[in-house]
């Protein structure tokens, strides 16, 4: 294990922020200045005014991702507001640059109002080429993403939902492959019906898994409950095929997969009641729903969201390549087919390296983002959204 990181190291690593802007054209002489700014820039502006499509060629918007948040659901921290969430958004932008070579800008909005957030993003449209929504609380995040996608003709993705779902599907396919099982035949229990839980349920259903049961704080999300939101009502109609009732104990008895996406703990006895060769993904950070060492007493394959245990489920395996592929293809949106292609590409990188303690590549594996980008771009062209 790596040496413990000190507070001094952490704050030093964030001193002055983690981002800067670098010049892509020289500015050394009077001639350089005349080309980059006045009077030369006027010619470029006139050309774009006459043909708006030229903005993609003569500005950075075609390769720029806006990382946008209201700071209402920051991983492990909750509703800390826009100012405190900015270091997280800067970190996200840094990951875009490191793993996909994409420029991005963090934007934090001082409002939780859905209409105001959507309107602000739409008004900023000509400043960027894609939108990564981040750390926006459920259920508002569902409506915000839907409305922004409808309003803009560019790639838009709420990473807490879809980045998580892509990597979870890749990891579950990897685990099933290690065990020689068919993913579609697994009985999956998802703990958490927030942004990530709903998106993962949708992704697993899309991938052909037929038996998915979702838990929220009140128990199994089922059609006979009268306290469900519209999102959960829709989910209930498509999940829980065995019509289970109750809570985690009833859901996990005989289940093949536990997928933890909530801050709640799961009792050790519930994991013990799962089917043989169980798969446990305890993804809450920093404290998993069940400690990996405890889960391994009963499960054949265990994954967490942490870097200090094997099988880290990390969104960085997905979002840099997804956005790069979408922008490479000139995609107008990010489709379900593009997400499935991304999951397949993540797993394909491992090849013969696949093992019970390596069901997904390392988040630092340089092969991942290019493979995902190529697969996403190909899917975009195949689906006609490029």
Protein backbone atom coordinates (compact mmCIF):
# COMPACT_ATOMS: atom_id res chain seq x y z
CA UNK A 1 0.00 0.00 0.00
CA UNK A 2 1.23 3.55 -0.70
CA UNK A 3 2.42 5.74 2.16
CA UNK A 4 -0.25 7.78 3.89
CA UNK A 5 -0.90 11.16 2.33
CA UNK A 6 -0.52 14.09 4.70
CA UNK A 7 -2.80 17.11 4.94
CA UNK A 8 0.16 19.29 3.98
CA UNK A 9 0.63 17.34 0.73
CA UNK A 10 -3.06 17.57 -0.10
CA UNK A 11 -3.35 21.33 0.37
CA UNK A 12 -0.03 21.93 -1.42
CA UNK A 13 -1.37 19.97 -4.39
CA UNK A 14 -4.35 22.31 -4.66
CA UNK A 15 -2.53 25.59 -4.00
CA UNK A 16 -3.68 28.14 -6.56
CA UNK A 17 -5.96 25.57 -8.19
CA UNK A 18 -5.10 22.66 -10.47
CA UNK A 19 -5.66 24.29 -13.86
CA UNK A 20 -4.10 26.94 -16.07
CA UNK A 21 -4.57 28.21 -19.62
CA UNK A 22 -1.74 27.77 -22.10
CA UNK A 23 -1.28 29.45 -25.45
CA UNK A 24 -1.75 27.41 -28.61
CA UNK A 25 -0.37 30.16 -30.86
CA UNK A 26 2.76 32.33 -30.45
CA UNK A 27 2.56 35.81 -28.92
CA UNK A 28 6.15 36.99 -29.11
CA UNK A 29 6.17 39.79 -31.70
CA UNK A 30 4.04 42.67 -32.90
CA UNK A 31 3.13 40.51 -35.91
CA UNK A 32 1.96 37.69 -33.60
CA UNK A 33 -0.19 40.19 -31.70
CA UNK A 34 -1.72 41.52 -34.90
CA UNK A 35 -2.66 38.00 -35.97
CA UNK A 36 -3.97 36.72 -32.61
CA UNK A 37 -5.78 39.91 -31.65
CA UNK A 38 -6.50 43.21 -33.36
CA UNK A 39 -6.68 43.72 -36.30
CA UNK A 40 -6.39 40.11 -37.55
CA UNK A 41 -8.98 38.56 -35.24
CA UNK A 42 -11.68 40.73 -36.82
CA UNK A 43 -11.42 38.75 -40.05
CA UNK A 44 -12.04 35.50 -38.21
CA UNK A 45 -14.99 36.97 -36.31
CA UNK A 46 -16.53 38.26 -39.55
CA UNK A 47 -16.12 34.84 -41.15
CA UNK A 48 -17.86 33.12 -38.20
CA UNK A 49 -20.65 35.70 -38.25
CA UNK A 50 -21.22 34.83 -41.91
CA UNK A 51 -20.89 31.07 -41.34
CA UNK A 52 -21.38 30.00 -37.68
CA UNK A 53 -20.10 26.49 -38.45
CA UNK A 54 -16.60 27.96 -38.77
CA UNK A 55 -16.51 28.43 -34.98
CA UNK A 56 -15.66 24.73 -34.71
CA UNK A 57 -12.54 25.26 -36.78
CA UNK A 58 -11.34 28.65 -35.56
CA UNK A 59 -12.15 28.53 -31.83
CA UNK A 60 -11.54 25.95 -29.13
CA UNK A 61 -15.23 25.16 -28.58
CA UNK A 62 -15.16 22.01 -30.71
CA UNK A 63 -12.79 20.35 -28.20
CA UNK A 64 -13.92 22.07 -25.00
CA UNK A 65 -15.94 20.31 -22.29
CA UNK A 66 -17.85 22.35 -19.72
CA UNK A 67 -17.84 20.62 -16.32
CA UNK A 68 -20.95 22.04 -14.66
CA UNK A 69 -22.26 21.58 -11.11
CA UNK A 70 -24.34 23.24 -8.41
CA UNK A 71 -22.42 21.41 -5.69
CA UNK A 72 -25.57 19.77 -4.35
CA UNK A 73 -24.41 16.13 -4.30
CA UNK A 74 -20.62 15.97 -4.14
CA UNK A 75 -19.38 12.42 -3.64
CA UNK A 76 -18.88 11.71 0.05
CA UNK A 77 -19.57 15.34 1.00
CA UNK A 78 -23.19 15.97 0.03
CA UNK A 79 -24.61 19.46 -0.53
CA UNK A 80 -21.57 21.67 -0.01
CA UNK A 81 -22.53 24.37 -2.50
CA UNK A 82 -20.80 25.77 -5.60
CA UNK A 83 -17.73 27.40 -4.03
CA UNK A 84 -16.66 24.32 -2.05
CA UNK A 85 -17.34 22.03 -5.02
CA UNK A 86 -15.00 23.92 -7.34
CA UNK A 87 -11.85 21.92 -6.40
CA UNK A 88 -13.74 18.76 -7.42
CA UNK A 89 -14.71 20.27 -10.77
CA UNK A 90 -11.13 21.42 -11.34
CA UNK A 91 -10.01 17.86 -10.67
CA UNK A 92 -12.51 16.56 -13.21
CA UNK A 93 -11.20 19.02 -15.79
CA UNK A 94 -7.64 17.90 -15.04
CA UNK A 95 -8.62 14.28 -15.68
CA UNK A 96 -10.13 15.21 -19.05
CA UNK A 97 -6.81 16.76 -20.05
CA UNK A 98 -4.63 13.97 -18.68
CA UNK A 99 -6.51 10.98 -20.06
CA UNK A 100 -8.18 12.30 -23.22
CA UNK A 101 -6.21 15.43 -24.13
CA UNK A 102 -9.43 17.46 -23.94
CA UNK A 103 -9.58 21.00 -22.64
CA UNK A 104 -12.35 21.64 -20.16
CA UNK A 105 -13.54 24.41 -17.88
CA UNK A 106 -15.18 24.03 -14.46
CA UNK A 107 -18.38 26.05 -14.00
CA UNK A 108 -20.20 26.11 -10.66
CA UNK A 109 -23.67 27.64 -10.47
CA UNK A 110 -25.05 29.42 -7.42
CA UNK A 111 -28.57 28.03 -7.77
CA UNK A 112 -30.41 24.75 -7.26
CA UNK A 113 -33.36 25.81 -9.42
CA UNK A 114 -33.83 23.48 -12.38
CA UNK A 115 -35.09 26.20 -14.73
CA UNK A 116 -32.23 28.54 -13.85
CA UNK A 117 -29.58 25.83 -14.32
CA UNK A 118 -30.95 24.76 -17.70
CA UNK A 119 -31.33 28.35 -18.89
CA UNK A 120 -27.78 29.22 -17.81
CA UNK A 121 -26.29 26.26 -19.66
CA UNK A 122 -28.29 27.05 -22.79
CA UNK A 123 -27.14 30.68 -22.70
CA UNK A 124 -23.51 29.55 -22.41
CA UNK A 125 -23.88 27.13 -25.34
CA UNK A 126 -21.55 28.92 -27.76
CA UNK A 127 -18.64 28.70 -25.31
CA UNK A 128 -18.19 24.92 -25.32
CA UNK A 129 -18.57 21.75 -27.39
CA UNK A 130 -19.87 19.32 -24.76
CA UNK A 131 -21.37 19.30 -21.27
CA UNK A 132 -20.31 17.07 -18.36
CA UNK A 133 -22.92 17.52 -15.62
CA UNK A 134 -21.46 16.69 -12.23
CA UNK A 135 -22.55 16.26 -8.61
CA UNK A 136 -26.16 17.43 -9.03
CA UNK A 137 -28.60 15.82 -6.62
CA UNK A 138 -31.40 13.46 -7.57
CA UNK A 139 -34.14 13.68 -8.67
CA UNK A 140 -33.31 17.13 -10.13
CA UNK A 141 -30.38 15.70 -12.05
CA UNK A 142 -32.68 13.57 -14.21
CA UNK A 143 -34.76 16.50 -15.38
CA UNK A 144 -31.76 18.80 -15.83
CA UNK A 145 -29.94 16.28 -18.01
CA UNK A 146 -33.05 15.52 -20.07
CA UNK A 147 -33.81 19.17 -20.72
CA UNK A 148 -30.23 20.13 -21.54
CA UNK A 149 -29.98 17.23 -24.01
CA UNK A 150 -33.22 18.38 -25.65
CA UNK A 151 -32.04 22.00 -25.84
CA UNK A 152 -28.49 21.47 -27.14
CA UNK A 153 -27.19 19.71 -30.23
CA UNK A 154 -23.98 18.52 -28.56
CA UNK A 155 -22.79 15.69 -26.29
CA UNK A 156 -24.28 15.98 -22.78
CA UNK A 157 -23.82 13.45 -19.97
CA UNK A 158 -24.37 13.44 -16.22
CA UNK A 159 -21.29 11.46 -15.24
CA UNK A 160 -22.56 10.45 -11.80
CA UNK A 161 -25.25 8.53 -13.63
CA UNK A 162 -23.80 7.23 -16.85
CA UNK A 163 -20.07 7.13 -16.18
CA UNK A 164 -20.79 4.97 -13.16
CA UNK A 165 -23.18 2.75 -15.11
CA UNK A 166 -20.69 2.21 -17.94
CA UNK A 167 -17.87 1.12 -15.62
CA UNK A 168 -20.19 -1.03 -13.50
CA UNK A 169 -21.38 -2.88 -16.61
CA UNK A 170 -17.78 -3.38 -17.77
CA UNK A 171 -16.81 -4.74 -14.36
CA UNK A 172 -19.84 -7.01 -14.10
CA UNK A 173 -19.14 -8.42 -17.56
CA UNK A 174 -15.55 -8.97 -16.47
CA UNK A 175 -16.59 -10.75 -13.29
CA UNK A 176 -19.05 -12.97 -15.16
CA UNK A 177 -16.40 -13.81 -17.75
CA UNK A 178 -13.92 -14.82 -15.04
CA UNK A 179 -16.54 -17.15 -13.59
CA UNK A 180 -17.70 -18.50 -16.93
CA UNK A 181 -21.21 -17.18 -16.38
CA UNK A 182 -23.73 -15.42 -18.60
CA UNK A 183 -24.21 -11.85 -17.38
CA UNK A 184 -27.84 -11.82 -18.48
CA UNK A 185 -28.70 -14.66 -16.10
CA UNK A 186 -27.40 -12.97 -12.95
CA UNK A 187 -29.75 -11.87 -10.17
CA UNK A 188 -28.65 -8.33 -9.35
CA UNK A 189 -29.54 -6.25 -6.29
CA UNK A 190 -28.81 -2.52 -6.43
CA UNK A 191 -28.71 -0.64 -3.12
CA UNK A 192 -29.47 2.99 -3.84
CA UNK A 193 -32.09 4.60 -6.07
CA UNK A 194 -30.37 7.92 -6.61
CA UNK A 195 -28.61 9.12 -9.74
CA UNK A 196 -26.09 6.27 -9.97
CA UNK A 197 -28.50 3.55 -8.84
CA UNK A 198 -31.17 4.46 -11.39
CA UNK A 199 -28.65 4.79 -14.21
CA UNK A 200 -27.01 1.46 -13.35
CA UNK A 201 -30.39 -0.28 -13.27
CA UNK A 202 -31.22 1.15 -16.69
CA UNK A 203 -27.84 0.16 -18.10
CA UNK A 204 -28.01 -3.41 -16.79
CA UNK A 205 -31.52 -3.84 -18.17
CA UNK A 206 -30.36 -2.45 -21.50
CA UNK A 207 -27.49 -4.96 -21.49
CA UNK A 208 -29.98 -7.83 -21.18
CA UNK A 209 -29.95 -8.57 -17.46
CA UNK A 210 -33.51 -9.62 -16.66
CA UNK A 211 -33.53 -9.90 -12.85
CA UNK A 212 -32.70 -6.52 -11.29
CA UNK A 213 -34.00 -5.51 -7.86
CA UNK A 214 -33.50 -1.96 -6.56
CA UNK A 215 -33.48 -0.91 -2.91
CA UNK A 216 -34.04 2.57 -1.54
CA UNK A 217 -34.08 3.71 2.09
CA UNK A 218 -37.55 2.20 2.58
CA UNK A 219 -36.94 -1.20 0.99
CA UNK A 220 -37.47 -2.85 -2.37
CA UNK A 221 -38.67 -0.50 -5.09
CA UNK A 222 -41.83 -2.29 -6.19
CA UNK A 223 -45.03 -1.44 -8.03
CA UNK A 224 -47.21 -1.94 -4.96
CA UNK A 225 -45.59 0.95 -3.07
CA UNK A 226 -47.51 4.23 -2.91
CA UNK A 227 -44.57 6.45 -1.88
CA UNK A 228 -42.51 6.34 -5.08
CA UNK A 229 -41.36 9.32 -7.13
CA UNK A 230 -42.12 9.31 -10.85
CA UNK A 231 -38.57 8.09 -11.54
CA UNK A 232 -38.92 5.21 -9.09
CA UNK A 233 -42.41 4.37 -10.36
CA UNK A 234 -40.99 3.94 -13.84
CA UNK A 235 -38.13 1.87 -12.43
CA UNK A 236 -40.50 -0.34 -10.45
CA UNK A 237 -42.40 -1.19 -13.64
CA UNK A 238 -39.21 -2.55 -15.24
CA UNK A 239 -37.48 -4.25 -12.31
CA UNK A 240 -38.20 -6.78 -9.53
CA UNK A 241 -39.55 -9.49 -11.86
CA UNK A 242 -40.07 -11.95 -8.98
CA UNK A 243 -42.27 -9.41 -7.15
CA UNK A 244 -40.15 -9.48 -4.00
CA UNK A 245 -41.28 -7.48 -0.99
CA UNK A 246 -39.40 -6.28 2.07
CA UNK A 247 -35.88 -4.93 2.36
CA UNK A 248 -32.24 -5.89 1.90
CA UNK A 249 -32.60 -9.25 3.64
CA UNK A 250 -35.32 -10.42 1.26
CA UNK A 251 -33.63 -8.95 -1.81
CA UNK A 252 -30.18 -10.43 -1.17
CA UNK A 253 -31.25 -13.96 -0.24
CA UNK A 254 -29.99 -16.09 -3.15
CA UNK A 255 -28.86 -13.09 -5.20
CA UNK A 256 -25.77 -13.34 -7.40
CA UNK A 257 -24.70 -9.68 -7.35
CA UNK A 258 -24.79 -6.90 -4.76
CA UNK A 259 -24.19 -3.43 -6.18
CA UNK A 260 -23.85 -0.81 -3.44
CA UNK A 261 -24.45 2.79 -4.53
CA UNK A 262 -25.69 4.34 -1.31
CA UNK A 263 -24.20 5.55 1.94
CA UNK A 264 -26.03 2.85 3.91
CA UNK A 265 -24.35 -0.21 5.39
CA UNK A 266 -25.32 -3.78 4.52
CA UNK A 267 -25.36 -6.42 7.23
CA UNK A 268 -22.78 -9.20 6.92
CA UNK A 269 -25.50 -11.81 7.29
CA UNK A 270 -27.23 -10.52 4.16
CA UNK A 271 -24.06 -11.00 2.11
CA UNK A 272 -23.70 -14.47 3.63
CA UNK A 273 -27.18 -15.32 2.34
CA UNK A 274 -26.27 -14.66 -1.29
CA UNK A 275 -25.84 -17.43 -3.86
CA UNK A 276 -22.53 -19.31 -4.23
CA UNK A 277 -19.84 -17.48 -6.22
CA UNK A 278 -21.42 -14.16 -5.28
CA UNK A 279 -20.17 -10.86 -6.71
CA UNK A 280 -20.07 -7.82 -4.40
CA UNK A 281 -19.51 -4.27 -5.65
CA UNK A 282 -19.45 -2.05 -2.53
CA UNK A 283 -18.87 1.30 -4.21
CA UNK A 284 -19.64 3.94 -1.57
CA UNK A 285 -16.70 6.22 -0.82
CA UNK A 286 -14.79 6.57 1.37
CA UNK A 287 -16.58 3.88 3.40
CA UNK A 288 -17.94 0.89 1.41
CA UNK A 289 -21.31 -0.60 2.33
CA UNK A 290 -19.40 -3.61 3.65
CA UNK A 291 -15.66 -3.83 4.21
CA UNK A 292 -13.99 -5.75 1.35
CA UNK A 293 -12.25 -8.17 3.72
CA UNK A 294 -15.59 -9.06 5.28
CA UNK A 295 -17.28 -9.41 1.90
CA UNK A 296 -14.54 -11.80 0.71
CA UNK A 297 -15.58 -14.28 3.38
CA UNK A 298 -18.68 -14.97 1.30
CA UNK A 299 -18.11 -13.49 -2.18
CA UNK A 300 -15.86 -14.82 -4.94
CA UNK A 301 -15.27 -11.37 -6.47
CA UNK A 302 -15.28 -8.05 -4.61
CA UNK A 303 -14.90 -4.53 -6.00
CA UNK A 304 -14.95 -1.09 -4.37
CA UNK A 305 -14.61 2.53 -5.39
CA UNK A 306 -11.34 2.83 -3.50
CA UNK A 307 -7.81 2.74 -4.88
CA UNK A 308 -6.37 0.77 -1.95
CA UNK A 309 -8.23 -2.46 -2.78
CA UNK A 310 -8.28 -4.57 -5.98
CA UNK A 311 -10.96 -3.94 -8.63
CA UNK A 312 -11.46 -0.20 -8.29
CA UNK A 313 -14.64 0.92 -10.07
CA UNK A 314 -13.62 4.42 -11.13
CA UNK A 315 -15.49 6.69 -13.56
CA UNK A 316 -12.21 7.88 -15.05
CA UNK A 317 -12.25 4.62 -17.02
CA UNK A 318 -15.28 5.96 -18.92
CA UNK A 319 -15.89 9.68 -19.17
CA UNK A 320 -12.64 10.92 -20.82
CA UNK A 321 -12.93 8.40 -23.65
CA UNK A 322 -16.69 8.81 -23.99
CA UNK A 323 -16.44 12.55 -24.52
CA UNK A 324 -13.37 12.28 -26.74
CA UNK A 325 -15.09 9.71 -28.94
CA UNK A 326 -18.27 11.79 -29.13
CA UNK A 327 -16.33 14.93 -30.07
CA UNK A 328 -14.10 13.05 -32.53
CA UNK A 329 -17.21 11.84 -34.33
CA UNK A 330 -18.97 15.20 -34.15
CA UNK A 331 -21.82 13.47 -32.32
CA UNK A 332 -24.95 15.48 -31.59
CA UNK A 333 -25.65 13.44 -28.45
CA UNK A 334 -24.42 10.48 -26.41
CA UNK A 335 -26.64 7.47 -27.07
CA UNK A 336 -27.27 4.27 -25.15
CA UNK A 337 -25.41 2.39 -27.88
CA UNK A 338 -22.36 4.59 -27.37
CA UNK A 339 -22.43 3.83 -23.63
CA UNK A 340 -22.65 0.09 -24.26
CA UNK A 341 -19.74 0.37 -26.69
CA UNK A 342 -17.72 2.17 -24.02
CA UNK A 343 -18.33 -0.62 -21.50
CA UNK A 344 -17.23 -3.25 -24.00
CA UNK A 345 -14.11 -1.27 -24.85
CA UNK A 346 -13.08 -0.90 -21.19
CA UNK A 347 -13.20 -4.66 -20.68
CA UNK A 348 -11.51 -5.41 -24.02
CA UNK A 349 -8.34 -3.66 -22.87
CA UNK A 350 -7.60 -6.39 -20.33
CA UNK A 351 -7.47 -9.36 -22.68
CA UNK A 352 -5.52 -12.16 -21.00
CA UNK A 353 -4.95 -9.99 -17.91
CA UNK A 354 -8.56 -10.56 -16.79
CA UNK A 355 -8.72 -12.18 -13.33
CA UNK A 356 -10.85 -12.25 -10.19
CA UNK A 357 -8.78 -9.41 -8.75
CA UNK A 358 -8.61 -7.52 -12.06
CA UNK A 359 -12.06 -7.36 -13.63
CA UNK A 360 -11.44 -3.85 -14.99
CA UNK A 361 -8.22 -2.07 -15.97
CA UNK A 362 -6.44 0.29 -13.62
CA UNK A 363 -7.80 3.86 -13.78
CA UNK A 364 -4.26 4.89 -14.76
CA UNK A 365 -4.03 2.45 -17.70
CA UNK A 366 -3.18 4.62 -20.75
CA UNK A 367 -4.82 2.13 -23.13
CA UNK A 368 -8.32 2.73 -21.85
CA UNK A 369 -9.30 6.22 -23.03
CA UNK A 370 -8.15 5.68 -26.66
CA UNK A 371 -9.98 2.33 -26.82
CA UNK A 372 -13.16 3.85 -25.40
CA UNK A 373 -12.93 6.88 -27.70
CA UNK A 374 -12.55 4.72 -30.80
CA UNK A 375 -15.48 2.49 -29.81
CA UNK A 376 -17.75 5.43 -28.94
CA UNK A 377 -16.94 7.25 -32.18
CA UNK A 378 -17.65 4.10 -34.20
CA UNK A 379 -20.97 3.61 -32.39
CA UNK A 380 -21.94 7.25 -33.02
CA UNK A 381 -21.32 6.84 -36.73
CA UNK A 382 -23.18 3.52 -36.82
CA UNK A 383 -26.20 5.06 -35.07
CA UNK A 384 -26.26 8.10 -37.34
CA UNK A 385 -25.70 10.75 -34.65
CA UNK A 386 -22.24 11.76 -35.92
